[in-house]
Amino acid sequence: MDSLQQVTKSLTDEILKSEVYQTYQTELEKVKQYPELKAQIDEFRRNNYLLQFRTDIDFDKLDHFEKEYENFRQQPLVADFLAAELALCRMMQDIFGDITEALDFE
């Protein structure tokens, strides 16, 4: 194994041991106990992604989406899972950002 692979494995191991990742896994396991709820969360995430990455932002659709899922997002299992997922995504973005910033990549 070359040194880059070793460092990658070490970074991966540290991510897996992190509190952020452990919290995400705990919340994911809780949600998986309710397959119907998990399916609803997946649908919310999919719809949210599609709205976020449209080239033509329709604020009426965005507002409708927010109102449609407002009560859903307030359910403790849903809120806790989405918060844990967001924390993990932000951690990964920070890691990738640090790596990208350190490289001379144009």
Protein backbone atom coordinates (compact mmCIF):
# COMPACT_ATOMS: atom_id res chain seq x y z
CA MET A 1 0.00 0.00 0.00
CA ASP A 2 1.50 3.35 -0.97
CA SER A 3 1.58 6.34 1.39
CA LEU A 4 -1.42 8.08 -0.22
CA GLN A 5 -3.56 4.98 0.25
CA GLN A 6 -2.38 4.74 3.86
CA VAL A 7 -3.28 8.36 4.55
CA THR A 8 -6.66 7.89 2.85
CA LYS A 9 -7.35 4.85 5.01
CA SER A 10 -6.31 6.78 8.13
CA LEU A 11 -8.58 9.68 7.22
CA THR A 12 -11.46 7.30 6.55
CA ASP A 13 -10.87 5.56 9.89
CA GLU A 14 -10.89 8.91 11.69
CA ILE A 15 -14.12 9.94 9.98
CA LEU A 16 -15.72 6.63 10.98
CA LYS A 17 -14.67 7.20 14.61
CA SER A 18 -15.80 10.83 14.70
CA GLU A 19 -18.70 11.89 16.89
CA VAL A 20 -20.39 13.46 13.86
CA TYR A 21 -20.35 10.20 11.91
CA GLN A 22 -21.34 8.12 14.94
CA THR A 23 -24.31 10.42 15.58
CA TYR A 24 -25.36 10.14 11.95
CA GLN A 25 -25.22 6.33 12.12
CA THR A 26 -27.23 6.30 15.36
CA GLU A 27 -29.93 8.52 13.88
CA LEU A 28 -29.97 6.52 10.64
CA GLU A 29 -30.52 3.28 12.57
CA LYS A 30 -33.40 4.86 14.49
CA VAL A 31 -35.07 5.97 11.25
CA LYS A 32 -34.54 2.57 9.60
CA GLN A 33 -36.74 1.05 12.29
CA TYR A 34 -39.65 2.81 10.56
CA PRO A 35 -39.44 1.92 6.84
CA GLU A 36 -42.39 4.13 5.90
CA LEU A 37 -40.84 7.12 7.66
CA LYS A 38 -37.48 6.35 6.03
CA ALA A 39 -39.19 6.36 2.63
CA GLN A 40 -40.79 9.73 3.43
CA ILE A 41 -37.42 11.15 4.48
CA ASP A 42 -35.84 9.86 1.27
CA GLU A 43 -38.63 11.47 -0.76
CA PHE A 44 -38.12 14.77 1.11
CA ARG A 45 -34.37 14.63 0.51
CA ARG A 46 -34.84 13.82 -3.18
CA ASN A 47 -37.35 16.64 -3.69
CA ASN A 48 -35.18 19.05 -1.73
CA TYR A 49 -32.16 18.17 -3.86
CA LEU A 50 -34.11 18.67 -7.09
CA LEU A 51 -35.36 22.07 -5.93
CA GLN A 52 -31.94 23.20 -4.73
CA PHE A 53 -30.12 22.34 -7.94
CA ARG A 54 -32.54 23.68 -10.52
CA THR A 55 -31.16 26.27 -12.86
CA ASP A 56 -34.42 28.22 -12.79
CA ILE A 57 -35.33 28.92 -9.18
CA ASP A 58 -39.09 28.99 -8.69
CA PHE A 59 -39.64 30.69 -5.35
CA ASP A 60 -43.32 29.75 -5.33
CA LYS A 61 -42.41 26.06 -5.59
CA LEU A 62 -39.74 26.50 -2.95
CA ASP A 63 -42.21 28.19 -0.60
CA HIS A 64 -44.81 25.49 -1.26
CA PHE A 65 -42.19 22.81 -0.55
CA GLU A 66 -41.22 24.45 2.75
CA LYS A 67 -44.86 24.66 3.86
CA GLU A 68 -45.66 21.13 2.70
CA TYR A 69 -42.87 19.60 4.77
CA GLU A 70 -42.90 21.98 7.74
CA ASN A 71 -44.74 19.64 10.13
CA PHE A 72 -42.88 16.62 8.80
CA ARG A 73 -39.49 18.19 9.55
CA GLN A 74 -40.60 18.96 13.11
CA GLN A 75 -41.04 15.30 14.01
CA PRO A 76 -38.21 14.48 16.43
CA LEU A 77 -36.92 11.43 14.51
CA VAL A 78 -36.93 13.36 11.24
CA ALA A 79 -35.40 16.52 12.71
CA ASP A 80 -32.65 14.59 14.52
CA PHE A 81 -31.78 12.55 11.42
CA LEU A 82 -31.70 15.58 9.12
CA ALA A 83 -29.55 17.52 11.60
CA ALA A 84 -27.10 14.62 11.88
CA GLU A 85 -26.98 14.24 8.11
CA LEU A 86 -26.35 17.96 7.66
CA ALA A 87 -23.53 17.89 10.22
CA LEU A 88 -21.89 14.98 8.39
CA CYS A 89 -22.24 16.72 5.02
CA ARG A 90 -20.70 19.90 6.42
CA MET A 91 -17.82 17.96 7.94
CA MET A 92 -17.15 16.28 4.59
CA GLN A 93 -17.38 19.62 2.75
CA ASP A 94 -14.83 21.10 5.17
CA ILE A 95 -12.46 18.18 4.61
CA PHE A 96 -12.79 18.35 0.83
CA GLY A 97 -12.46 22.14 0.97
CA ASP A 98 -9.25 21.91 2.98
CA ILE A 99 -7.78 19.40 0.53
CA THR A 100 -8.82 21.43 -2.51
CA GLU A 101 -7.51 24.65 -1.00
CA ALA A 102 -4.12 23.07 -0.33
CA LEU A 103 -3.74 21.95 -3.94
CA ASP A 104 -2.62 24.15 -6.81
CA PHE A 105 -5.51 23.00 -8.99
CA GLU A 106 -6.77 25.34 -11.70
